Every structure is written in C-alpha cells, then in structure tokens.
Amino acid sequence: MESPCTQCISKGLTCGNKILASEWQPRTTVLIDSQTSVSAIRNTLPITRPPQRPGHQILSVFEDTHVRSIRERNFLFKFTLLQFPRTDGHHLWENLFRRFGPLLSSKSVRYGCILYSLYKHQYDFRSQALYDHDHLLYLKHFYKSTREAITAKRYEEVVYACFAVCMYWIRLKRHFEEVVGHAGGFKLAVENLMQTSPPIGEELFFLECMWEKVIWIMGEQWLFKTNPAPRVLDEMQKLADVLWLSGYRDQPRWVQESFVVIQLKFQFLRFTITLHRSCTAGEVDEVKDLLVQKFYKHWRANAETLRDQASLTPSRDRTHLRTLAANLWSEFLELLLKCGVAGNGADSSGIYRTTLDLVSSIHSLVILLPSGDAFVEMPFEGWHAVEIAVDCLALIGLVLRERYPMEQKCLCLKSTVADLG
C-alpha cells in the first residue's frame, strides 16, 4: 500500500493515498460536489422508464408517418367552412385524438385514416405497384379490424372508421353502390352509438359534420356533375338530411351558426334531386349549373375562409352576415319549389308565405348595411348576402308578374308591408 503504483511511476507523478476496493459502496454512496446541497438531491425526481405500449399500439415507421400526417397536416377532419364562426382556438379534429389517443389506438380507425393518407400521398410512391401493394394490404387490415369492432359492439370505432374509408372510396371514384354501403354503415353505427354510449358536447356536432361531408361530396360527384340515374336519385333522397343528433341549443354559438349551414347544404341537395325528377335533361343542366356555381361561390371554403373575429359593428360581423345569407338561400330555394321551377307544381299559398319570409330576411339585412365609405369595406360575406338578396327580389318580381294582375300585386305588396309592421 505504501509503494507507488506503476501508473504514477510511468508518468512521474507522486502517488497518493490508496483505497481498497472493498471500501467502495457504489450502490449507497452519493458523490456530492461542494456546490450541491443534500436537500436539492433529495428533491430531484427519479428518471423512470415509460410504460411499454400494448402490442396493438406499436406502429411501424410507415404507419406512424401516415398517422402523423393526419394529425399535423389537418386533412380529412378539417371542416374549415363549418368552423368559420369559431373563436376559441380549438379544432374539431381534436375530438378524434381525444377519443383514440395520438397514435389512434383503434386499429379500424387507424387503418381507415392510413388509407386516406395513402390517397393524399399517392404521388410520393416510387411506383404504382408499391402504392397498389400498400393499398390492398391496409384495405385488408381495415376490413378485418372493422369486423372485429362490429362483433365487439365498439360502435365509436365503426363510426370513425366508416367515415374515413367512405371518404377514401369517394376520392378514388369507386362505384356508387360501394360508397352508399359505407355511408349506410356510418349512419347505422351512429344510431347504435347513440343508444349505447352517446357522445357528449362537441363530439355530437363532429359526427354531424362528418355525415354532412360524406353526403355533400357524394352529391358533388353524382348529382352536380352528371345526370344521375333514378336509383342514384332514390338513394340520395334517403341520405340527404341531417342526423339530428341534437338541437344544439345548448351548444356554443358557433355550433348553432354552423348547423344552419349544414341544414342549408342538405336542402340544396334535396332541391337538386327534385329538379332532376321534375325537369327534362336540358332544363335541369341550365338551372342546376347556374345555381351550383353561385352556391359554390358563397359556401365553399377557400384561402380567404378564415375564422371570424369579434367585430365592433354589426355590418362587419361576418358570422351574422353569413347566417343572414344562409336564411336567404333557404327561402330562395323554397320559393323556387313553391312557384313550380322544381317539383310537382305551384303552391299559391306557399308562394305568399315564402315571399313574406324573404322580404323579412331582406329587411333584416338592409338595416345592417353601412353607409358611405364603410359600405366599400364590408366583408365579402356581406356582399354574398347582398347578392342573394338581389336574386330573391328578382325572383319575387318574376313571380308577381307571372301569377298576379296589377291590382292583386298592389294588394299583395300592401299586405306584405302590413305584416312586416
């Protein structure tokens, strides 16, 4: 112990005190420098290993990439137009990950979302053969896991999974019957979910939005762009309505405002179906193309469809202006039906009531319009409302001209003014 060690001799150093190996206590000894207190070390939280994930939640690199793209790129569950009035900073897609976690613990939901992500990234594949292989593989996984979810009565999984794969089939332009089957599965799963463990709060509206998106895009593909066969009209007639999971009166204002838009879009689909049933092909195309283009202009999300902000003046309350425009659109379509443009024929009493509603809505819009230079600064939602109001007035004028002699027109207008007070 007194002799210097070979290491010190070779380096020409003075060898210090020796410590026997038996004196070391590595499991109980804590080395503390001169600037670290014992209390600080005692308060340090231990580093723990994360719990091991269940086997069904372990994702491959490929799967993790596509699930992350759903979460970060914000497609499939985006709903830009319907969240326009929302000002709380949250998004509807958060309900998906709130229910199933960041990795989508449900296999059927995960595989459905991966399939849609495959469609969005199909041009990133090195070859079509590689894309086809992954498509068929995950389609097989989807159907297997969805059958298991149905058997186990996990209806919440079936709802989200059916929505994802239904959108996938629509984007791939699959046969109408296939898409209808998945849409029917979505609706049936929602009905079963409401009977067993109904969602609460915002998720109810989220399901309503998913249903609207599926049926609206089906309408775009099989009603607006083609002359649909009778079987297509029959099936779309059954599907073209809101789910009515709630009246949404107890929901935030933005939900109630957006539900008005959902109802309007379904009304437009039903009007288009009625138009096809009651008019010749040439007549349908002319009227339909004009109305569809105008409807897209007012109710399709684009780069300018940003969320509304709190406004200081009613004339710049974009959400309120959009609601007025939606009401005008609804009454405009109703008047077209009542005066016989579409449907089985004119309804005189219905024409009067709808005309009265239209004039009242136009009056509500006019009193909001600014004057002077502020009129130029009105948001485009206000201009859309003004545009459909002008169309409504033109239609009212045509109806009065065709259906009533001059004396009756005067009486009708007097009665309308009296009713408005």
Foldseek 3Di string as FASTA:
>chain_A
DPDADPVCVVVVHDHDDDDDPVPDDVVPDDDDDPPDDPVVVVPDDDDDDDDDDPPLLDDDPLLLVQLVCCVPVVPPLNCLLLCQAPDPPDGLCVVQCVVQNSSRSQQLLSLLSSLLSLVVCVVVDPDNVVSVVSNVVSVVSNVVSLVVCVVVLVLVSLLNNLLSNLVSCLVVVHDPVVSLVSLVSNLVSQVSCLVPPHDDAPVLLSSQVSLLVSLLSVCVVAQLPDLHDPVSLVSSVVSLATSCPDPCPVHDPSSNLSVLVSRLSSLVSNLSSQLSVADDPVLSNVVSVVVVVLCCVQRPDDPPSHHFDDDDALLQRLSVLLSLLSQLSNLLSQLCVQCPSGDDHHDVVSNLVSLLSLVLSVVVLVVRQDDDPVNVVRDVSNVSSVVSNVVSVVVNVVSCVVPHDPVVVVVSVVVSVVVSD
